[in-house]
Amino acid sequence: MRNSLKDKRDPVAFKREQEIQALLHQQAAAGKLLIYYFDGSGFTTTPCVPYGWQKRGETRRLLTAQSKRLNVLGFMSLDNDSFFHTVEGRVDSQAAIAAFNAFADRYAEEFAQTKIPCLVILDNAPIQTSKAFLGKREDWMLAGICLHFLPTYSPELNPIEILWRKIKYEWLPLDAYKSYKDMKELVLAILAGFGEKYTITFG
């Protein structure tokens, strides 16, 4: 999957974006802006278990069932500050707008005091490039929220992808897959504990 995306992307645009982000993080280190990464991921009772340990001759079975899907739309900084908006069911532009509205409401008061803009880096998913979504940019700018779009086929440039992998492959216990209720409760607990109990060290 990653190889196919790498083959599709523009290497010049990818390298340019790496350079741009390096400059942006220099500005952030100087206290001139905040940077958050935005993305979404879905969670169901279908296990995401790449491997596991068991005794010789022992077979472990995971009971799975079709369930609803818990979608998480997240904002994450490299110092593990975060904001999450959950959706049960279909995620469309209106869901993305609702997530950004909530994030903007959270940041508006801080922006009014500091005047430090918050740059949100995100990919070019259709729900984030729709007319309805882009039509809200001016409203979010009033709250100090600015958007910066990644070049296409460049998930490596969005570190929040690491968070989703950590949750699915490391932090979620096997008990999460017993039922949708268990899965939802455990995912929400991890999200609530991110930055304290659950952390990621970025280079």
C-alpha atoms as a PDB file:
ATOM      1  CA  MET A   1       0.000   0.000   0.000  1.00  0.00           C
ATOM      2  CA  ARG A   2       2.702   2.453   0.986  1.00  0.00           C
ATOM      3  CA  ASN A   3       4.772   1.534  -2.068  1.00  0.00           C
ATOM      4  CA  SER A   4       1.822   2.214  -4.349  1.00  0.00           C
ATOM      5  CA  LEU A   5       1.274   5.618  -2.738  1.00  0.00           C
ATOM      6  CA  LYS A   6       4.963   6.402  -3.059  1.00  0.00           C
ATOM      7  CA  ASP A   7       4.808   5.542  -6.743  1.00  0.00           C
ATOM      8  CA  LYS A   8       1.838   7.862  -7.251  1.00  0.00           C
ATOM      9  CA  ARG A   9       3.078  10.958  -5.478  1.00  0.00           C
ATOM     10  CA  ASP A  10       5.152  13.808  -6.846  1.00  0.00           C
ATOM     11  CA  PRO A  11       8.637  13.462  -5.295  1.00  0.00           C
ATOM     12  CA  VAL A  12       9.398  17.141  -5.847  1.00  0.00           C
ATOM     13  CA  ALA A  13       6.231  18.214  -4.034  1.00  0.00           C
ATOM     14  CA  PHE A  14       6.962  15.717  -1.256  1.00  0.00           C
ATOM     15  CA  LYS A  15      10.485  17.076  -0.677  1.00  0.00           C
ATOM     16  CA  ARG A  16       9.240  20.662  -0.848  1.00  0.00           C
ATOM     17  CA  GLU A  17       6.622  19.890   1.799  1.00  0.00           C
ATOM     18  CA  GLN A  18       9.289  18.398   4.067  1.00  0.00           C
ATOM     19  CA  GLU A  19      11.245  21.639   3.759  1.00  0.00           C
ATOM     20  CA  ILE A  20       8.128  23.736   4.377  1.00  0.00           C
ATOM     21  CA  GLN A  21       7.268  21.781   7.500  1.00  0.00           C
ATOM     22  CA  ALA A  22      10.806  22.172   8.814  1.00  0.00           C
ATOM     23  CA  LEU A  23      10.459  25.943   8.461  1.00  0.00           C
ATOM     24  CA  LEU A  24       7.005  25.906  10.040  1.00  0.00           C
ATOM     25  CA  HIS A  25       8.292  24.008  13.056  1.00  0.00           C
ATOM     26  CA  GLN A  26      11.088  26.553  13.417  1.00  0.00           C
ATOM     27  CA  GLN A  27       8.402  29.232  13.597  1.00  0.00           C
ATOM     28  CA  ALA A  28       6.500  27.156  16.144  1.00  0.00           C
ATOM     29  CA  ALA A  29       9.633  26.723  18.268  1.00  0.00           C
ATOM     30  CA  ALA A  30      10.002  30.503  18.245  1.00  0.00           C
ATOM     31  CA  GLY A  31       6.468  30.855  19.602  1.00  0.00           C
ATOM     32  CA  LYS A  32       5.021  32.385  16.449  1.00  0.00           C
ATOM     33  CA  LEU A  33       2.422  29.695  15.731  1.00  0.00           C
ATOM     34  CA  LEU A  34       1.030  26.374  16.889  1.00  0.00           C
ATOM     35  CA  ILE A  35       0.929  23.312  14.640  1.00  0.00           C
ATOM     36  CA  TYR A  36      -1.594  20.489  14.769  1.00  0.00           C
ATOM     37  CA  TYR A  37      -2.080  17.568  12.404  1.00  0.00           C
ATOM     38  CA  PHE A  38      -5.588  16.436  11.464  1.00  0.00           C
ATOM     39  CA  ASP A  39      -6.818  13.077  10.227  1.00  0.00           C
ATOM     40  CA  GLY A  40      -9.526  10.507  10.828  1.00  0.00           C
ATOM     41  CA  SER A  41      -9.585   6.798  11.545  1.00  0.00           C
ATOM     42  CA  GLY A  42     -12.266   4.168  12.104  1.00  0.00           C
ATOM     43  CA  PHE A  43     -12.554   1.454  14.750  1.00  0.00           C
ATOM     44  CA  THR A  44     -14.678  -1.704  14.613  1.00  0.00           C
ATOM     45  CA  THR A  45     -14.687  -5.075  16.375  1.00  0.00           C
ATOM     46  CA  THR A  46     -12.625  -6.584  13.568  1.00  0.00           C
ATOM     47  CA  PRO A  47      -9.210  -7.025  15.245  1.00  0.00           C
ATOM     48  CA  CYS A  48      -6.114  -5.209  14.004  1.00  0.00           C
ATOM     49  CA  VAL A  49      -3.609  -7.740  15.338  1.00  0.00           C
ATOM     50  CA  PRO A  50      -0.518  -8.266  13.129  1.00  0.00           C
ATOM     51  CA  TYR A  51       0.973 -10.936  15.418  1.00  0.00           C
ATOM     52  CA  GLY A  52       0.721 -12.376  18.905  1.00  0.00           C
ATOM     53  CA  TRP A  53       2.443 -14.709  21.360  1.00  0.00           C
ATOM     54  CA  GLN A  54       1.080 -18.035  22.544  1.00  0.00           C
ATOM     55  CA  LYS A  55       2.365 -21.245  24.090  1.00  0.00           C
ATOM     56  CA  ARG A  56       3.516 -24.052  21.806  1.00  0.00           C
ATOM     57  CA  GLY A  57       0.521 -26.156  20.789  1.00  0.00           C
ATOM     58  CA  GLU A  58      -1.947 -23.534  22.037  1.00  0.00           C
ATOM     59  CA  THR A  59      -4.458 -21.891  19.727  1.00  0.00           C
ATOM     60  CA  ARG A  60      -5.910 -18.521  20.639  1.00  0.00           C
ATOM     61  CA  ARG A  61      -9.206 -17.530  19.085  1.00  0.00           C
ATOM     62  CA  LEU A  62     -10.533 -14.020  18.705  1.00  0.00           C
ATOM     63  CA  LEU A  63     -14.297 -13.810  18.690  1.00  0.00           C
ATOM     64  CA  THR A  64     -15.400 -11.145  16.258  1.00  0.00           C
ATOM     65  CA  ALA A  65     -18.727  -9.767  15.178  1.00  0.00           C
ATOM     66  CA  GLN A  66     -19.957  -7.221  12.731  1.00  0.00           C
ATOM     67  CA  SER A  67     -20.474  -3.934  14.519  1.00  0.00           C
ATOM     68  CA  LYS A  68     -20.989  -0.277  14.101  1.00  0.00           C
ATOM     69  CA  ARG A  69     -17.969   1.826  13.281  1.00  0.00           C
ATOM     70  CA  LEU A  70     -16.575   4.410  15.663  1.00  0.00           C
ATOM     71  CA  ASN A  71     -14.906   7.122  13.618  1.00  0.00           C
ATOM     72  CA  VAL A  72     -12.442   9.446  15.298  1.00  0.00           C
ATOM     73  CA  LEU A  73     -11.479  12.784  13.783  1.00  0.00           C
ATOM     74  CA  GLY A  74      -8.392  13.986  15.572  1.00  0.00           C
ATOM     75  CA  PHE A  75      -6.108  16.987  15.955  1.00  0.00           C
ATOM     76  CA  MET A  76      -2.635  16.289  17.360  1.00  0.00           C
ATOM     77  CA  SER A  77       0.482  18.331  18.039  1.00  0.00           C
ATOM     78  CA  LEU A  78       3.975  16.853  18.211  1.00  0.00           C
ATOM     79  CA  ASP A  79       4.052  17.459  21.974  1.00  0.00           C
ATOM     80  CA  ASN A  80       1.050  15.135  22.336  1.00  0.00           C
ATOM     81  CA  ASP A  81      -1.635  17.763  22.872  1.00  0.00           C
ATOM     82  CA  SER A  82      -4.800  16.621  21.163  1.00  0.00           C
ATOM     83  CA  PHE A  83      -8.486  17.122  20.491  1.00  0.00           C
ATOM     84  CA  PHE A  84     -10.820  14.378  19.297  1.00  0.00           C
ATOM     85  CA  HIS A  85     -14.275  14.405  17.742  1.00  0.00           C
ATOM     86  CA  THR A  86     -16.094  11.085  17.435  1.00  0.00           C
ATOM     87  CA  VAL A  87     -18.765  10.070  14.953  1.00  0.00           C
ATOM     88  CA  GLU A  88     -20.796   6.866  14.914  1.00  0.00           C
ATOM     89  CA  GLY A  89     -21.711   6.227  11.332  1.00  0.00           C
ATOM     90  CA  ARG A  90     -20.798   7.889   8.084  1.00  0.00           C
ATOM     91  CA  VAL A  91     -18.126  10.565   7.991  1.00  0.00           C
ATOM     92  CA  ASP A  92     -18.754  13.283   5.425  1.00  0.00           C
ATOM     93  CA  SER A  93     -17.896  16.948   4.990  1.00  0.00           C
ATOM     94  CA  GLN A  94     -20.455  17.947   7.599  1.00  0.00           C
ATOM     95  CA  ALA A  95     -18.759  15.684  10.141  1.00  0.00           C
ATOM     96  CA  ALA A  96     -15.380  17.219   9.313  1.00  0.00           C
ATOM     97  CA  ILE A  97     -16.884  20.702   9.598  1.00  0.00           C
ATOM     98  CA  ALA A  98     -18.336  19.820  13.003  1.00  0.00           C
ATOM     99  CA  ALA A  99     -14.910  18.625  14.168  1.00  0.00           C
ATOM    100  CA  PHE A 100     -13.217  21.823  13.012  1.00  0.00           C
ATOM    101  CA  ASN A 101     -15.975  23.974  14.509  1.00  0.00           C
ATOM    102  CA  ALA A 102     -15.446  22.288  17.870  1.00  0.00           C
ATOM    103  CA  PHE A 103     -11.664  22.663  17.623  1.00  0.00           C
ATOM    104  CA  ALA A 104     -12.030  26.326  16.636  1.00  0.00           C
ATOM    105  CA  ASP A 105     -14.370  26.957  19.571  1.00  0.00           C
ATOM    106  CA  ARG A 106     -11.768  25.417  21.859  1.00  0.00           C
ATOM    107  CA  TYR A 107      -8.958  27.601  20.498  1.00  0.00           C
ATOM    108  CA  ALA A 108     -10.841  30.885  19.984  1.00  0.00           C
ATOM    109  CA  GLU A 109     -10.397  32.140  23.552  1.00  0.00           C
ATOM    110  CA  GLU A 110      -6.676  31.376  23.576  1.00  0.00           C
ATOM    111  CA  PHE A 111      -6.261  33.092  20.210  1.00  0.00           C
ATOM    112  CA  ALA A 112      -8.095  36.166  21.478  1.00  0.00           C
ATOM    113  CA  GLN A 113      -5.512  36.472  24.247  1.00  0.00           C
ATOM    114  CA  THR A 114      -2.308  35.448  22.473  1.00  0.00           C
ATOM    115  CA  LYS A 115      -2.978  36.272  18.804  1.00  0.00           C
ATOM    116  CA  ILE A 116      -0.841  33.238  17.972  1.00  0.00           C
ATOM    117  CA  PRO A 117      -2.341  31.422  14.963  1.00  0.00           C
ATOM    118  CA  CYS A 118      -2.883  27.680  14.949  1.00  0.00           C
ATOM    119  CA  LEU A 119      -1.947  25.927  11.717  1.00  0.00           C
ATOM    120  CA  VAL A 120      -3.754  22.666  11.022  1.00  0.00           C
ATOM    121  CA  ILE A 121      -1.988  20.386   8.540  1.00  0.00           C
ATOM    122  CA  LEU A 122      -4.265  17.930   6.737  1.00  0.00           C
ATOM    123  CA  ASP A 123      -4.492  15.786   3.633  1.00  0.00           C
ATOM    124  CA  ASN A 124      -6.604  16.234   0.518  1.00  0.00           C
ATOM    125  CA  ALA A 125      -9.410  13.823   1.368  1.00  0.00           C
ATOM    126  CA  PRO A 126     -12.620  14.695  -0.523  1.00  0.00           C
ATOM    127  CA  ILE A 127     -14.488  15.588   2.668  1.00  0.00           C
ATOM    128  CA  GLN A 128     -11.782  18.179   3.385  1.00  0.00           C
ATOM    129  CA  THR A 129     -11.701  19.735  -0.065  1.00  0.00           C
ATOM    130  CA  SER A 130     -15.441  19.998  -0.656  1.00  0.00           C
ATOM    131  CA  LYS A 131     -17.078  23.351  -1.308  1.00  0.00           C
ATOM    132  CA  ALA A 132     -18.919  23.143   2.008  1.00  0.00           C
ATOM    133  CA  PHE A 133     -15.737  22.478   3.992  1.00  0.00           C
ATOM    134  CA  LEU A 134     -13.598  25.094   2.258  1.00  0.00           C
ATOM    135  CA  GLY A 135     -16.425  27.574   2.646  1.00  0.00           C
ATOM    136  CA  LYS A 136     -15.805  27.567   6.401  1.00  0.00           C
ATOM    137  CA  ARG A 137     -12.146  28.605   6.203  1.00  0.00           C
ATOM    138  CA  GLU A 138     -12.818  32.285   6.867  1.00  0.00           C
ATOM    139  CA  ASP A 139     -14.887  31.466   9.948  1.00  0.00           C
ATOM    140  CA  TRP A 140     -12.084  29.320  11.330  1.00  0.00           C
ATOM    141  CA  MET A 141      -9.499  31.985  10.568  1.00  0.00           C
ATOM    142  CA  LEU A 142     -11.418  34.365  12.825  1.00  0.00           C
ATOM    143  CA  ALA A 143     -10.776  31.872  15.628  1.00  0.00           C
ATOM    144  CA  GLY A 144      -7.088  31.687  14.697  1.00  0.00           C
ATOM    145  CA  ILE A 145      -7.289  28.404  12.779  1.00  0.00           C
ATOM    146  CA  CYS A 146      -5.507  28.230   9.407  1.00  0.00           C
ATOM    147  CA  LEU A 147      -5.315  25.236   7.062  1.00  0.00           C
ATOM    148  CA  HIS A 148      -2.290  23.819   5.268  1.00  0.00           C
ATOM    149  CA  PHE A 149      -2.879  20.967   2.823  1.00  0.00           C
ATOM    150  CA  LEU A 150      -0.345  18.219   2.247  1.00  0.00           C
ATOM    151  CA  PRO A 151       0.597  17.107  -1.262  1.00  0.00           C
ATOM    152  CA  THR A 152      -1.360  14.084  -2.441  1.00  0.00           C
ATOM    153  CA  TYR A 153      -0.303  10.527  -1.548  1.00  0.00           C
ATOM    154  CA  SER A 154       1.915  11.668   1.329  1.00  0.00           C
ATOM    155  CA  PRO A 155       0.659  10.013   4.552  1.00  0.00           C
ATOM    156  CA  GLU A 156       4.230   9.912   5.904  1.00  0.00           C
ATOM    157  CA  LEU A 157       4.031  13.700   6.275  1.00  0.00           C
ATOM    158  CA  ASN A 158       1.097  13.448   8.684  1.00  0.00           C
ATOM    159  CA  PRO A 159       2.357  12.167  12.071  1.00  0.00           C
ATOM    160  CA  ILE A 160      -1.142  11.574  13.434  1.00  0.00           C
ATOM    161  CA  GLU A 161      -1.087   8.439  11.280  1.00  0.00           C
ATOM    162  CA  ILE A 162       1.372   7.088  13.870  1.00  0.00           C
ATOM    163  CA  LEU A 163      -1.198   7.662  16.604  1.00  0.00           C
ATOM    164  CA  TRP A 164      -3.820   5.563  14.807  1.00  0.00           C
ATOM    165  CA  ARG A 165      -1.324   2.712  14.375  1.00  0.00           C
ATOM    166  CA  LYS A 166      -0.315   2.882  18.035  1.00  0.00           C
ATOM    167  CA  ILE A 167      -3.932   2.622  19.145  1.00  0.00           C
ATOM    168  CA  LYS A 168      -4.850  -0.225  16.810  1.00  0.00           C
ATOM    169  CA  TYR A 169      -1.695  -2.326  17.020  1.00  0.00           C
ATOM    170  CA  GLU A 170      -0.267  -1.605  20.473  1.00  0.00           C
ATOM    171  CA  TRP A 171      -2.597   0.086  22.936  1.00  0.00           C
ATOM    172  CA  LEU A 172      -5.963  -1.571  22.347  1.00  0.00           C
ATOM    173  CA  PRO A 173      -6.194  -4.824  24.343  1.00  0.00           C
ATOM    174  CA  LEU A 174      -7.728  -7.946  22.823  1.00  0.00           C
ATOM    175  CA  ASP A 175     -10.741  -7.484  25.101  1.00  0.00           C
ATOM    176  CA  ALA A 176     -11.680  -4.481  22.993  1.00  0.00           C
ATOM    177  CA  TYR A 177     -12.909  -6.789  20.257  1.00  0.00           C
ATOM    178  CA  LYS A 178     -15.485  -8.631  22.362  1.00  0.00           C
ATOM    179  CA  SER A 179     -18.232  -6.151  21.543  1.00  0.00           C
ATOM    180  CA  TYR A 180     -18.768  -2.711  20.084  1.00  0.00           C
ATOM    181  CA  LYS A 181     -19.472  -1.365  23.580  1.00  0.00           C
ATOM    182  CA  ASP A 182     -16.140  -2.668  24.872  1.00  0.00           C
ATOM    183  CA  MET A 183     -14.285  -1.372  21.845  1.00  0.00           C
ATOM    184  CA  LYS A 184     -15.848   2.096  22.089  1.00  0.00           C
ATOM    185  CA  GLU A 185     -15.158   2.415  25.820  1.00  0.00           C
ATOM    186  CA  LEU A 186     -11.532   1.353  25.453  1.00  0.00           C
ATOM    187  CA  VAL A 187     -10.863   3.592  22.442  1.00  0.00           C
ATOM    188  CA  LEU A 188     -12.361   6.575  24.266  1.00  0.00           C
ATOM    189  CA  ALA A 189     -10.263   5.761  27.338  1.00  0.00           C
ATOM    190  CA  ILE A 190      -7.091   5.740  25.241  1.00  0.00           C
ATOM    191  CA  LEU A 191      -8.022   9.030  23.603  1.00  0.00           C
ATOM    192  CA  ALA A 192      -8.704  10.572  27.019  1.00  0.00           C
ATOM    193  CA  GLY A 193      -5.335   9.319  28.279  1.00  0.00           C
ATOM    194  CA  PHE A 194      -3.312  10.422  25.277  1.00  0.00           C
ATOM    195  CA  GLY A 195      -0.593  12.835  26.315  1.00  0.00           C
ATOM    196  CA  GLU A 196      -0.328  11.391  29.827  1.00  0.00           C
ATOM    197  CA  LYS A 197      -0.786   7.631  30.088  1.00  0.00           C
ATOM    198  CA  TYR A 198      -0.285   7.151  26.349  1.00  0.00           C
ATOM    199  CA  THR A 199       2.441   9.158  24.630  1.00  0.00           C
ATOM    200  CA  ILE A 200       4.444   9.221  21.417  1.00  0.00           C
ATOM    201  CA  THR A 201       7.968  10.580  21.132  1.00  0.00           C
ATOM    202  CA  PHE A 202       8.497  12.266  17.786  1.00  0.00           C
ATOM    203  CA  GLY A 203      12.001  12.774  16.463  1.00  0.00           C
END
